[in-house]
Amino acid sequence: MDSTLSTTLIWTVIIGMAVTNFTLRFAPMAVLSRLKMPEPIMRWLSFIPISVMGALFAKTILLPAFEATSEIPLYANPGIWGGLGAMLIFRMTRSFLVSSVAGVIVYVMLRFALGL
């Protein structure tokens, strides 16, 4: 039995996943956007994006630091400094794009400077 997947099967799975993902995300948004929600629920919902981004950033920044060997101390982790730089810039500008670019610049500069 051949263990390789056909190109048709791969594209069918990709398109099927895209349609499913879009449907599961769009349908609730389309329905709920037409409803008038109570203020406490709207306030609660407003915290979801920042909570998700915080969890993603924490995992991305901190997990490699704890998995790293003892060659690089925690305070010399460019990911942590890039994340802190991004948070500081976001606090000043309130722009996710500007803060993301600033964080990447800090990260790349530190990796270059530390020779990692």
PDB file of N, CA and C in Angstrom:
ATOM      1  N   MET A   1       0.832  -1.188   0.000  1.00  0.00           N
ATOM      2  CA  MET A   1       0.000   0.000   0.000  1.00  0.00           C
ATOM      3  C   MET A   1       0.875   1.249   0.000  1.00  0.00           C
ATOM      4  N   ASP A   2       0.550   2.189  -0.846  1.00  0.00           N
ATOM      5  CA  ASP A   2       1.324   3.434  -0.972  1.00  0.00           C
ATOM      6  C   ASP A   2       0.985   4.365   0.186  1.00  0.00           C
ATOM      7  N   SER A   3       2.017   4.860   0.886  1.00  0.00           N
ATOM      8  CA  SER A   3       1.778   5.693   2.073  1.00  0.00           C
ATOM      9  C   SER A   3       1.701   7.186   1.741  1.00  0.00           C
ATOM     10  N   THR A   4       1.911   7.573   0.499  1.00  0.00           N
ATOM     11  CA  THR A   4       1.831   8.989   0.141  1.00  0.00           C
ATOM     12  C   THR A   4       0.390   9.380  -0.134  1.00  0.00           C
ATOM     13  N   LEU A   5       0.072  10.622   0.140  1.00  0.00           N
ATOM     14  CA  LEU A   5      -1.275  11.131  -0.084  1.00  0.00           C
ATOM     15  C   LEU A   5      -1.342  11.796  -1.450  1.00  0.00           C
ATOM     16  N   SER A   6      -2.478  11.662  -2.093  1.00  0.00           N
ATOM     17  CA  SER A   6      -2.628  12.282  -3.407  1.00  0.00           C
ATOM     18  C   SER A   6      -2.840  13.784  -3.244  1.00  0.00           C
ATOM     19  N   THR A   7      -2.493  14.517  -4.265  1.00  0.00           N
ATOM     20  CA  THR A   7      -2.670  15.969  -4.252  1.00  0.00           C
ATOM     21  C   THR A   7      -4.141  16.329  -4.123  1.00  0.00           C
ATOM     22  N   THR A   8      -4.994  15.571  -4.755  1.00  0.00           N
ATOM     23  CA  THR A   8      -6.437  15.826  -4.681  1.00  0.00           C
ATOM     24  C   THR A   8      -6.936  15.681  -3.252  1.00  0.00           C
ATOM     25  N   LEU A   9      -6.496  14.631  -2.570  1.00  0.00           N
ATOM     26  CA  LEU A   9      -6.912  14.420  -1.181  1.00  0.00           C
ATOM     27  C   LEU A   9      -6.422  15.555  -0.288  1.00  0.00           C
ATOM     28  N   ILE A  10      -5.198  15.988  -0.464  1.00  0.00           N
ATOM     29  CA  ILE A  10      -4.646  17.077   0.345  1.00  0.00           C
ATOM     30  C   ILE A  10      -5.460  18.347   0.144  1.00  0.00           C
ATOM     31  N   TRP A  11      -5.744  18.702  -1.111  1.00  0.00           N
ATOM     32  CA  TRP A  11      -6.518  19.925  -1.377  1.00  0.00           C
ATOM     33  C   TRP A  11      -7.954  19.796  -0.883  1.00  0.00           C
ATOM     34  N   THR A  12      -8.524  18.599  -0.977  1.00  0.00           N
ATOM     35  CA  THR A  12      -9.877  18.390  -0.468  1.00  0.00           C
ATOM     36  C   THR A  12      -9.922  18.603   1.040  1.00  0.00           C
ATOM     37  N   VAL A  13      -8.949  18.092   1.748  1.00  0.00           N
ATOM     38  CA  VAL A  13      -8.883  18.275   3.202  1.00  0.00           C
ATOM     39  C   VAL A  13      -8.678  19.745   3.547  1.00  0.00           C
ATOM     40  N   ILE A  14      -7.779  20.430   2.850  1.00  0.00           N
ATOM     41  CA  ILE A  14      -7.524  21.847   3.122  1.00  0.00           C
ATOM     42  C   ILE A  14      -8.777  22.676   2.894  1.00  0.00           C
ATOM     43  N   ILE A  15      -9.450  22.462   1.771  1.00  0.00           N
ATOM     44  CA  ILE A  15     -10.669  23.227   1.463  1.00  0.00           C
ATOM     45  C   ILE A  15     -11.784  22.877   2.449  1.00  0.00           C
ATOM     46  N   GLY A  16     -11.910  21.598   2.779  1.00  0.00           N
ATOM     47  CA  GLY A  16     -12.917  21.187   3.757  1.00  0.00           C
ATOM     48  C   GLY A  16     -12.680  21.818   5.116  1.00  0.00           C
ATOM     49  N   MET A  17     -11.426  21.880   5.542  1.00  0.00           N
ATOM     50  CA  MET A  17     -11.094  22.507   6.829  1.00  0.00           C
ATOM     51  C   MET A  17     -11.378  24.003   6.784  1.00  0.00           C
ATOM     52  N   ALA A  18     -11.081  24.646   5.672  1.00  0.00           N
ATOM     53  CA  ALA A  18     -11.333  26.083   5.540  1.00  0.00           C
ATOM     54  C   ALA A  18     -12.823  26.379   5.607  1.00  0.00           C
ATOM     55  N   VAL A  19     -13.625  25.592   4.899  1.00  0.00           N
ATOM     56  CA  VAL A  19     -15.079  25.798   4.909  1.00  0.00           C
ATOM     57  C   VAL A  19     -15.641  25.557   6.308  1.00  0.00           C
ATOM     58  N   THR A  20     -15.213  24.488   6.956  1.00  0.00           N
ATOM     59  CA  THR A  20     -15.675  24.190   8.309  1.00  0.00           C
ATOM     60  C   THR A  20     -15.278  25.293   9.279  1.00  0.00           C
ATOM     61  N   ASN A  21     -14.032  25.722   9.218  1.00  0.00           N
ATOM     62  CA  ASN A  21     -13.538  26.779  10.098  1.00  0.00           C
ATOM     63  C   ASN A  21     -14.327  28.073   9.893  1.00  0.00           C
ATOM     64  N   PHE A  22     -14.510  28.457   8.646  1.00  0.00           N
ATOM     65  CA  PHE A  22     -15.255  29.680   8.345  1.00  0.00           C
ATOM     66  C   PHE A  22     -16.689  29.584   8.851  1.00  0.00           C
ATOM     67  N   THR A  23     -17.332  28.445   8.604  1.00  0.00           N
ATOM     68  CA  THR A  23     -18.727  28.264   9.020  1.00  0.00           C
ATOM     69  C   THR A  23     -18.869  28.329  10.536  1.00  0.00           C
ATOM     70  N   LEU A  24     -17.994  27.630  11.248  1.00  0.00           N
ATOM     71  CA  LEU A  24     -18.089  27.610  12.709  1.00  0.00           C
ATOM     72  C   LEU A  24     -17.753  28.957  13.338  1.00  0.00           C
ATOM     73  N   ARG A  25     -16.954  29.769  12.675  1.00  0.00           N
ATOM     74  CA  ARG A  25     -16.621  31.089  13.224  1.00  0.00           C
ATOM     75  C   ARG A  25     -17.601  32.162  12.768  1.00  0.00           C
ATOM     76  N   PHE A  26     -18.047  32.075  11.529  1.00  0.00           N
ATOM     77  CA  PHE A  26     -18.888  33.127  10.979  1.00  0.00           C
ATOM     78  C   PHE A  26     -20.334  33.032  11.427  1.00  0.00           C
ATOM     79  N   ALA A  27     -20.869  31.823  11.502  1.00  0.00           N
ATOM     80  CA  ALA A  27     -22.288  31.653  11.838  1.00  0.00           C
ATOM     81  C   ALA A  27     -22.656  32.297  13.183  1.00  0.00           C
ATOM     82  N   PRO A  28     -21.930  32.019  14.272  1.00  0.00           N
ATOM     83  CA  PRO A  28     -22.286  32.688  15.528  1.00  0.00           C
ATOM     84  C   PRO A  28     -22.128  34.210  15.453  1.00  0.00           C
ATOM     85  N   MET A  29     -21.099  34.670  14.756  1.00  0.00           N
ATOM     86  CA  MET A  29     -20.897  36.119  14.625  1.00  0.00           C
ATOM     87  C   MET A  29     -22.043  36.750  13.856  1.00  0.00           C
ATOM     88  N   ALA A  30     -22.481  36.112  12.795  1.00  0.00           N
ATOM     89  CA  ALA A  30     -23.565  36.662  11.979  1.00  0.00           C
ATOM     90  C   ALA A  30     -24.856  36.736  12.773  1.00  0.00           C
ATOM     91  N   VAL A  31     -25.128  35.729  13.571  1.00  0.00           N
ATOM     92  CA  VAL A  31     -26.369  35.706  14.359  1.00  0.00           C
ATOM     93  C   VAL A  31     -26.286  36.685  15.526  1.00  0.00           C
ATOM     94  N   LEU A  32     -25.183  36.627  16.277  1.00  0.00           N
ATOM     95  CA  LEU A  32     -25.068  37.455  17.484  1.00  0.00           C
ATOM     96  C   LEU A  32     -24.889  38.937  17.176  1.00  0.00           C
ATOM     97  N   SER A  33     -24.352  39.271  16.010  1.00  0.00           N
ATOM     98  CA  SER A  33     -24.150  40.687  15.694  1.00  0.00           C
ATOM     99  C   SER A  33     -25.467  41.418  15.470  1.00  0.00           C
ATOM    100  N   ARG A  34     -26.521  40.689  15.197  1.00  0.00           N
ATOM    101  CA  ARG A  34     -27.839  41.299  14.967  1.00  0.00           C
ATOM    102  C   ARG A  34     -28.645  41.463  16.252  1.00  0.00           C
ATOM    103  N   LEU A  35     -28.176  40.838  17.325  1.00  0.00           N
ATOM    104  CA  LEU A  35     -28.899  40.896  18.594  1.00  0.00           C
ATOM    105  C   LEU A  35     -28.371  42.028  19.472  1.00  0.00           C
ATOM    106  N   LYS A  36     -29.246  42.605  20.252  1.00  0.00           N
ATOM    107  CA  LYS A  36     -28.849  43.612  21.235  1.00  0.00           C
ATOM    108  C   LYS A  36     -28.504  42.874  22.528  1.00  0.00           C
ATOM    109  N   MET A  37     -27.241  42.870  22.872  1.00  0.00           N
ATOM    110  CA  MET A  37     -26.781  42.144  24.051  1.00  0.00           C
ATOM    111  C   MET A  37     -26.757  43.079  25.258  1.00  0.00           C
ATOM    112  N   PRO A  38     -27.013  42.550  26.449  1.00  0.00           N
ATOM    113  CA  PRO A  38     -26.913  43.366  27.659  1.00  0.00           C
ATOM    114  C   PRO A  38     -25.475  43.862  27.862  1.00  0.00           C
ATOM    115  N   GLU A  39     -25.333  45.005  28.478  1.00  0.00           N
ATOM    116  CA  GLU A  39     -24.020  45.632  28.677  1.00  0.00           C
ATOM    117  C   GLU A  39     -23.028  44.743  29.435  1.00  0.00           C
ATOM    118  N   PRO A  40     -23.427  44.033  30.500  1.00  0.00           N
ATOM    119  CA  PRO A  40     -22.445  43.164  31.174  1.00  0.00           C
ATOM    120  C   PRO A  40     -21.879  42.078  30.253  1.00  0.00           C
ATOM    121  N   ILE A  41     -22.712  41.536  29.386  1.00  0.00           N
ATOM    122  CA  ILE A  41     -22.226  40.507  28.458  1.00  0.00           C
ATOM    123  C   ILE A  41     -21.286  41.127  27.430  1.00  0.00           C
ATOM    124  N   MET A  42     -21.627  42.299  26.929  1.00  0.00           N
ATOM    125  CA  MET A  42     -20.750  42.981  25.966  1.00  0.00           C
ATOM    126  C   MET A  42     -19.406  43.316  26.608  1.00  0.00           C
ATOM    127  N   ARG A  43     -19.442  43.732  27.853  1.00  0.00           N
ATOM    128  CA  ARG A  43     -18.192  44.046  28.561  1.00  0.00           C
ATOM    129  C   ARG A  43     -17.356  42.777  28.726  1.00  0.00           C
ATOM    130  N   TRP A  44     -18.020  41.681  29.097  1.00  0.00           N
ATOM    131  CA  TRP A  44     -17.317  40.415  29.266  1.00  0.00           C
ATOM    132  C   TRP A  44     -16.718  39.959  27.939  1.00  0.00           C
ATOM    133  N   LEU A  45     -17.471  40.070  26.862  1.00  0.00           N
ATOM    134  CA  LEU A  45     -16.983  39.660  25.544  1.00  0.00           C
ATOM    135  C   LEU A  45     -15.808  40.509  25.071  1.00  0.00           C
ATOM    136  N   SER A  46     -15.735  41.750  25.535  1.00  0.00           N
ATOM    137  CA  SER A  46     -14.653  42.631  25.097  1.00  0.00           C
ATOM    138  C   SER A  46     -13.289  42.168  25.602  1.00  0.00           C
ATOM    139  N   PHE A  47     -13.267  41.329  26.638  1.00  0.00           N
ATOM    140  CA  PHE A  47     -11.994  40.851  27.186  1.00  0.00           C
ATOM    141  C   PHE A  47     -11.475  39.596  26.495  1.00  0.00           C
ATOM    142  N   ILE A  48     -12.277  38.981  25.652  1.00  0.00           N
ATOM    143  CA  ILE A  48     -11.861  37.729  25.019  1.00  0.00           C
ATOM    144  C   ILE A  48     -10.647  37.912  24.095  1.00  0.00           C
ATOM    145  N   PRO A  49     -10.627  38.901  23.189  1.00  0.00           N
ATOM    146  CA  PRO A  49      -9.467  39.006  22.291  1.00  0.00           C
ATOM    147  C   PRO A  49      -8.144  39.209  23.030  1.00  0.00           C
ATOM    148  N   ILE A  50      -8.120  40.075  24.023  1.00  0.00           N
ATOM    149  CA  ILE A  50      -6.863  40.328  24.728  1.00  0.00           C
ATOM    150  C   ILE A  50      -6.454  39.121  25.556  1.00  0.00           C
ATOM    151  N   SER A  51      -7.430  38.374  26.070  1.00  0.00           N
ATOM    152  CA  SER A  51      -7.108  37.160  26.827  1.00  0.00           C
ATOM    153  C   SER A  51      -6.486  36.108  25.916  1.00  0.00           C
ATOM    154  N   VAL A  52      -7.042  35.936  24.747  1.00  0.00           N
ATOM    155  CA  VAL A  52      -6.503  34.958  23.804  1.00  0.00           C
ATOM    156  C   VAL A  52      -5.104  35.377  23.357  1.00  0.00           C
ATOM    157  N   MET A  53      -4.933  36.653  23.030  1.00  0.00           N
ATOM    158  CA  MET A  53      -3.606  37.121  22.599  1.00  0.00           C
ATOM    159  C   MET A  53      -2.594  36.971  23.726  1.00  0.00           C
ATOM    160  N   GLY A  54      -3.003  37.283  24.950  1.00  0.00           N
ATOM    161  CA  GLY A  54      -2.095  37.129  26.091  1.00  0.00           C
ATOM    162  C   GLY A  54      -1.652  35.690  26.275  1.00  0.00           C
ATOM    163  N   ALA A  55      -2.590  34.762  26.147  1.00  0.00           N
ATOM    164  CA  ALA A  55      -2.246  33.344  26.285  1.00  0.00           C
ATOM    165  C   ALA A  55      -1.315  32.889  25.169  1.00  0.00           C
ATOM    166  N   LEU A  56      -1.584  33.324  23.949  1.00  0.00           N
ATOM    167  CA  LEU A  56      -0.717  32.947  22.829  1.00  0.00           C
ATOM    168  C   LEU A  56       0.684  33.525  22.986  1.00  0.00           C
ATOM    169  N   PHE A  57       0.768  34.791  23.365  1.00  0.00           N
ATOM    170  CA  PHE A  57       2.070  35.429  23.548  1.00  0.00           C
ATOM    171  C   PHE A  57       2.840  34.792  24.685  1.00  0.00           C
ATOM    172  N   ALA A  58       2.169  34.532  25.796  1.00  0.00           N
ATOM    173  CA  ALA A  58       2.858  33.937  26.948  1.00  0.00           C
ATOM    174  C   ALA A  58       3.448  32.582  26.568  1.00  0.00           C
ATOM    175  N   LYS A  59       2.667  31.783  25.867  1.00  0.00           N
ATOM    176  CA  LYS A  59       3.167  30.470  25.463  1.00  0.00           C
ATOM    177  C   LYS A  59       4.331  30.604  24.490  1.00  0.00           C
ATOM    178  N   THR A  60       4.199  31.510  23.544  1.00  0.00           N
ATOM    179  CA  THR A  60       5.234  31.674  22.530  1.00  0.00           C
ATOM    180  C   THR A  60       6.531  32.232  23.120  1.00  0.00           C
ATOM    181  N   ILE A  61       6.406  33.150  24.066  1.00  0.00           N
ATOM    182  CA  ILE A  61       7.586  33.809  24.624  1.00  0.00           C
ATOM    183  C   ILE A  61       8.215  33.000  25.748  1.00  0.00           C
ATOM    184  N   LEU A  62       7.407  32.507  26.669  1.00  0.00           N
ATOM    185  CA  LEU A  62       7.962  31.880  27.863  1.00  0.00           C
ATOM    186  C   LEU A  62       8.313  30.417  27.691  1.00  0.00           C
ATOM    187  N   LEU A  63       7.572  29.667  26.922  1.00  0.00           N
ATOM    188  CA  LEU A  63       7.845  28.246  26.792  1.00  0.00           C
ATOM    189  C   LEU A  63       9.236  27.961  26.230  1.00  0.00           C
ATOM    190  N   PRO A  64       9.672  28.626  25.160  1.00  0.00           N
ATOM    191  CA  PRO A  64      11.040  28.368  24.700  1.00  0.00           C
ATOM    192  C   PRO A  64      12.094  28.737  25.739  1.00  0.00           C
ATOM    193  N   ALA A  65      11.800  29.723  26.585  1.00  0.00           N
ATOM    194  CA  ALA A  65      12.766  30.123  27.611  1.00  0.00           C
ATOM    195  C   ALA A  65      12.957  29.008  28.626  1.00  0.00           C
ATOM    196  N   PHE A  66      11.896  28.318  28.983  1.00  0.00           N
ATOM    197  CA  PHE A  66      12.008  27.253  29.968  1.00  0.00           C
ATOM    198  C   PHE A  66      12.505  25.953  29.367  1.00  0.00           C
ATOM    199  N   GLU A  67      12.361  25.795  28.053  1.00  0.00           N
ATOM    200  CA  GLU A  67      12.859  24.598  27.388  1.00  0.00           C
ATOM    201  C   GLU A  67      14.325  24.747  26.982  1.00  0.00           C
ATOM    202  N   ALA A  68      14.836  25.978  27.024  1.00  0.00           N
ATOM    203  CA  ALA A  68      16.205  26.229  26.584  1.00  0.00           C
ATOM    204  C   ALA A  68      17.196  25.550  27.528  1.00  0.00           C
ATOM    205  N   THR A  69      18.351  25.299  27.000  1.00  0.00           N
ATOM    206  CA  THR A  69      19.394  24.715  27.838  1.00  0.00           C
ATOM    207  C   THR A  69      19.935  25.787  28.770  1.00  0.00           C
ATOM    208  N   SER A  70      20.788  25.393  29.668  1.00  0.00           N
ATOM    209  CA  SER A  70      21.331  26.343  30.633  1.00  0.00           C
ATOM    210  C   SER A  70      22.362  27.290  30.009  1.00  0.00           C
ATOM    211  N   GLU A  71      22.613  27.146  28.710  1.00  0.00           N
ATOM    212  CA  GLU A  71      23.569  28.036  28.044  1.00  0.00           C
ATOM    213  C   GLU A  71      23.080  29.480  28.034  1.00  0.00           C
ATOM    214  N   ILE A  72      21.771  29.676  27.925  1.00  0.00           N
ATOM    215  CA  ILE A  72      21.206  31.018  27.843  1.00  0.00           C
ATOM    216  C   ILE A  72      20.395  31.273  29.111  1.00  0.00           C
ATOM    217  N   PRO A  73      20.815  32.227  29.936  1.00  0.00           N
ATOM    218  CA  PRO A  73      20.015  32.524  31.124  1.00  0.00           C
ATOM    219  C   PRO A  73      18.695  33.170  30.737  1.00  0.00           C
ATOM    220  N   LEU A  74      17.725  33.072  31.628  1.00  0.00           N
ATOM    221  CA  LEU A  74      16.383  33.578  31.358  1.00  0.00           C
ATOM    222  C   LEU A  74      16.392  35.063  31.014  1.00  0.00           C
ATOM    223  N   TYR A  75      17.216  35.861  31.694  1.00  0.00           N
ATOM    224  CA  TYR A  75      17.239  37.304  31.438  1.00  0.00           C
ATOM    225  C   TYR A  75      17.838  37.648  30.079  1.00  0.00           C
ATOM    226  N   ALA A  76      18.509  36.701  29.437  1.00  0.00           N
ATOM    227  CA  ALA A  76      19.098  36.960  28.117  1.00  0.00           C
ATOM    228  C   ALA A  76      18.236  36.392  26.994  1.00  0.00           C
ATOM    229  N   ASN A  77      17.013  35.992  27.302  1.00  0.00           N
ATOM    230  CA  ASN A  77      16.123  35.449  26.284  1.00  0.00           C
ATOM    231  C   ASN A  77      15.569  36.594  25.442  1.00  0.00           C
ATOM    232  N   PRO A  78      15.897  36.635  24.144  1.00  0.00           N
ATOM    233  CA  PRO A  78      15.417  37.725  23.296  1.00  0.00           C
ATOM    234  C   PRO A  78      13.898  37.759  23.165  1.00  0.00           C
ATOM    235  N   GLY A  79      13.236  36.598  23.286  1.00  0.00           N
ATOM    236  CA  GLY A  79      11.784  36.553  23.191  1.00  0.00           C
ATOM    237  C   GLY A  79      11.113  37.333  24.308  1.00  0.00           C
ATOM    238  N   ILE A  80      11.655  37.211  25.511  1.00  0.00           N
ATOM    239  CA  ILE A  80      11.080  37.936  26.649  1.00  0.00           C
ATOM    240  C   ILE A  80      11.256  39.442  26.451  1.00  0.00           C
ATOM    241  N   TRP A  81      12.435  39.863  26.031  1.00  0.00           N
ATOM    242  CA  TRP A  81      12.668  41.302  25.834  1.00  0.00           C
ATOM    243  C   TRP A  81      11.865  41.840  24.653  1.00  0.00           C
ATOM    244  N   GLY A  82      11.732  41.040  23.606  1.00  0.00           N
ATOM    245  CA  GLY A  82      10.892  41.452  22.472  1.00  0.00           C
ATOM    246  C   GLY A  82       9.438  41.604  22.892  1.00  0.00           C
ATOM    247  N   GLY A  83       8.957  40.674  23.712  1.00  0.00           N
ATOM    248  CA  GLY A  83       7.590  40.762  24.219  1.00  0.00           C
ATOM    249  C   GLY A  83       7.385  41.972  25.117  1.00  0.00           C
ATOM    250  N   LEU A  84       8.354  42.229  25.984  1.00  0.00           N
ATOM    251  CA  LEU A  84       8.261  43.411  26.854  1.00  0.00           C
ATOM    252  C   LEU A  84       8.300  44.700  26.034  1.00  0.00           C
ATOM    253  N   GLY A  85       9.154  44.718  25.010  1.00  0.00           N
ATOM    254  CA  GLY A  85       9.203  45.885  24.130  1.00  0.00           C
ATOM    255  C   GLY A  85       7.885  46.097  23.407  1.00  0.00           C
ATOM    256  N   ALA A  86       7.290  45.007  22.938  1.00  0.00           N
ATOM    257  CA  ALA A  86       5.994  45.101  22.249  1.00  0.00           C
ATOM    258  C   ALA A  86       4.921  45.618  23.204  1.00  0.00           C
ATOM    259  N   MET A  87       4.934  45.138  24.459  1.00  0.00           N
ATOM    260  CA  MET A  87       3.939  45.611  25.431  1.00  0.00           C
ATOM    261  C   MET A  87       4.108  47.096  25.722  1.00  0.00           C
ATOM    262  N   LEU A  88       5.347  47.527  25.866  1.00  0.00           N
ATOM    263  CA  LEU A  88       5.610  48.939  26.148  1.00  0.00           C
ATOM    264  C   LEU A  88       5.164  49.822  24.988  1.00  0.00           C
ATOM    265  N   ILE A  89       5.498  49.428  23.773  1.00  0.00           N
ATOM    266  CA  ILE A  89       5.098  50.204  22.597  1.00  0.00           C
ATOM    267  C   ILE A  89       3.576  50.202  22.447  1.00  0.00           C
ATOM    268  N   PHE A  90       2.930  49.064  22.719  1.00  0.00           N
ATOM    269  CA  PHE A  90       1.473  49.025  22.633  1.00  0.00           C
ATOM    270  C   PHE A  90       0.847  49.962  23.651  1.00  0.00           C
ATOM    271  N   ARG A  91       1.428  50.005  24.840  1.00  0.00           N
ATOM    272  CA  ARG A  91       0.914  50.901  25.887  1.00  0.00           C
ATOM    273  C   ARG A  91       0.990  52.358  25.446  1.00  0.00           C
ATOM    274  N   MET A  92       2.034  52.707  24.707  1.00  0.00           N
ATOM    275  CA  MET A  92       2.210  54.098  24.274  1.00  0.00           C
ATOM    276  C   MET A  92       1.383  54.417  23.027  1.00  0.00           C
ATOM    277  N   THR A  93       1.292  53.474  22.089  1.00  0.00           N
ATOM    278  CA  THR A  93       0.666  53.782  20.800  1.00  0.00           C
ATOM    279  C   THR A  93      -0.746  53.229  20.638  1.00  0.00           C
ATOM    280  N   ARG A  94      -1.092  52.204  21.393  1.00  0.00           N
ATOM    281  CA  ARG A  94      -2.380  51.504  21.252  1.00  0.00           C
ATOM    282  C   ARG A  94      -2.542  50.907  19.852  1.00  0.00           C
ATOM    283  N   SER A  95      -1.444  50.628  19.198  1.00  0.00           N
ATOM    284  CA  SER A  95      -1.471  50.044  17.859  1.00  0.00           C
ATOM    285  C   SER A  95      -0.857  48.652  17.906  1.00  0.00           C
ATOM    286  N   PHE A  96      -1.679  47.647  17.597  1.00  0.00           N
ATOM    287  CA  PHE A  96      -1.189  46.284  17.616  1.00  0.00           C
ATOM    288  C   PHE A  96      -0.114  46.070  16.556  1.00  0.00           C
ATOM    289  N   LEU A  97      -0.301  46.660  15.381  1.00  0.00           N
ATOM    290  CA  LEU A  97       0.669  46.493  14.302  1.00  0.00           C
ATOM    291  C   LEU A  97       2.023  47.099  14.669  1.00  0.00           C
ATOM    292  N   VAL A  98       2.014  48.329  15.166  1.00  0.00           N
ATOM    293  CA  VAL A  98       3.266  49.004  15.524  1.00  0.00           C
ATOM    294  C   VAL A  98       3.971  48.242  16.640  1.00  0.00           C
ATOM    295  N   SER A  99       3.213  47.796  17.643  1.00  0.00           N
ATOM    296  CA  SER A  99       3.841  47.089  18.756  1.00  0.00           C
ATOM    297  C   SER A  99       4.389  45.734  18.317  1.00  0.00           C
ATOM    298  N   SER A 100       3.697  45.052  17.424  1.00  0.00           N
ATOM    299  CA  SER A 100       4.187  43.761  16.925  1.00  0.00           C
ATOM    300  C   SER A 100       5.488  43.938  16.152  1.00  0.00           C
ATOM    301  N   VAL A 101       5.532  44.942  15.292  1.00  0.00           N
ATOM    302  CA  VAL A 101       6.750  45.203  14.519  1.00  0.00           C
ATOM    303  C   VAL A 101       7.897  45.588  15.457  1.00  0.00           C
ATOM    304  N   ALA A 102       7.612  46.420  16.455  1.00  0.00           N
ATOM    305  CA  ALA A 102       8.653  46.817  17.415  1.00  0.00           C
ATOM    306  C   ALA A 102       9.174  45.601  18.176  1.00  0.00           C
ATOM    307  N   GLY A 103       8.277  44.718  18.595  1.00  0.00           N
ATOM    308  CA  GLY A 103       8.703  43.514  19.307  1.00  0.00           C
ATOM    309  C   GLY A 103       9.582  42.629  18.450  1.00  0.00           C
ATOM    310  N   VAL A 104       9.228  42.477  17.181  1.00  0.00           N
ATOM    311  CA  VAL A 104      10.035  41.668  16.275  1.00  0.00           C
ATOM    312  C   VAL A 104      11.407  42.307  16.070  1.00  0.00           C
ATOM    313  N   ILE A 105      11.445  43.625  15.941  1.00  0.00           N
ATOM    314  CA  ILE A 105      12.726  44.319  15.764  1.00  0.00           C
ATOM    315  C   ILE A 105      13.619  44.112  16.979  1.00  0.00           C
ATOM    316  N   VAL A 106      13.062  44.270  18.180  1.00  0.00           N
ATOM    317  CA  VAL A 106      13.848  44.048  19.406  1.00  0.00           C
ATOM    318  C   VAL A 106      14.352  42.609  19.448  1.00  0.00           C
ATOM    319  N   TYR A 107      13.481  41.665  19.134  1.00  0.00           N
ATOM    320  CA  TYR A 107      13.855  40.253  19.152  1.00  0.00           C
ATOM    321  C   TYR A 107      15.003  39.976  18.174  1.00  0.00           C
ATOM    322  N   VAL A 108      14.863  40.447  16.937  1.00  0.00           N
ATOM    323  CA  VAL A 108      15.897  40.187  15.917  1.00  0.00           C
ATOM    324  C   VAL A 108      17.212  40.856  16.292  1.00  0.00           C
ATOM    325  N   MET A 109      17.147  42.091  16.778  1.00  0.00           N
ATOM    326  CA  MET A 109      18.382  42.791  17.167  1.00  0.00           C
ATOM    327  C   MET A 109      19.096  42.053  18.307  1.00  0.00           C
ATOM    328  N   LEU A 110      18.362  41.582  19.291  1.00  0.00           N
ATOM    329  CA  LEU A 110      18.985  40.851  20.394  1.00  0.00           C
ATOM    330  C   LEU A 110      19.539  39.507  19.946  1.00  0.00           C
ATOM    331  N   ARG A 111      18.820  38.816  19.074  1.00  0.00           N
ATOM    332  CA  ARG A 111      19.353  37.542  18.563  1.00  0.00           C
ATOM    333  C   ARG A 111      20.650  37.782  17.811  1.00  0.00           C
ATOM    334  N   PHE A 112      20.681  38.857  17.037  1.00  0.00           N
ATOM    335  CA  PHE A 112      21.903  39.178  16.291  1.00  0.00           C
ATOM    336  C   PHE A 112      23.025  39.558  17.255  1.00  0.00           C
ATOM    337  N   ALA A 113      22.698  40.390  18.239  1.00  0.00           N
ATOM    338  CA  ALA A 113      23.714  40.847  19.184  1.00  0.00           C
ATOM    339  C   ALA A 113      24.262  39.707  20.048  1.00  0.00           C
ATOM    340  N   LEU A 114      23.396  38.766  20.414  1.00  0.00           N
ATOM    341  CA  LEU A 114      23.830  37.648  21.255  1.00  0.00           C
ATOM    342  C   LEU A 114      24.400  36.493  20.442  1.00  0.00           C
ATOM    343  N   GLY A 115      24.278  36.583  19.127  1.00  0.00           N
ATOM    344  CA  GLY A 115      24.821  35.535  18.271  1.00  0.00           C
ATOM    345  C   GLY A 115      24.037  34.230  18.351  1.00  0.00           C
ATOM    346  N   LEU A 116      22.727  34.330  18.557  1.00  0.00           N
ATOM    347  CA  LEU A 116      21.894  33.117  18.665  1.00  0.00           C
ATOM    348  C   LEU A 116      21.343  32.717  17.311  1.00  0.00           C
TER     349      LEU A 116
END
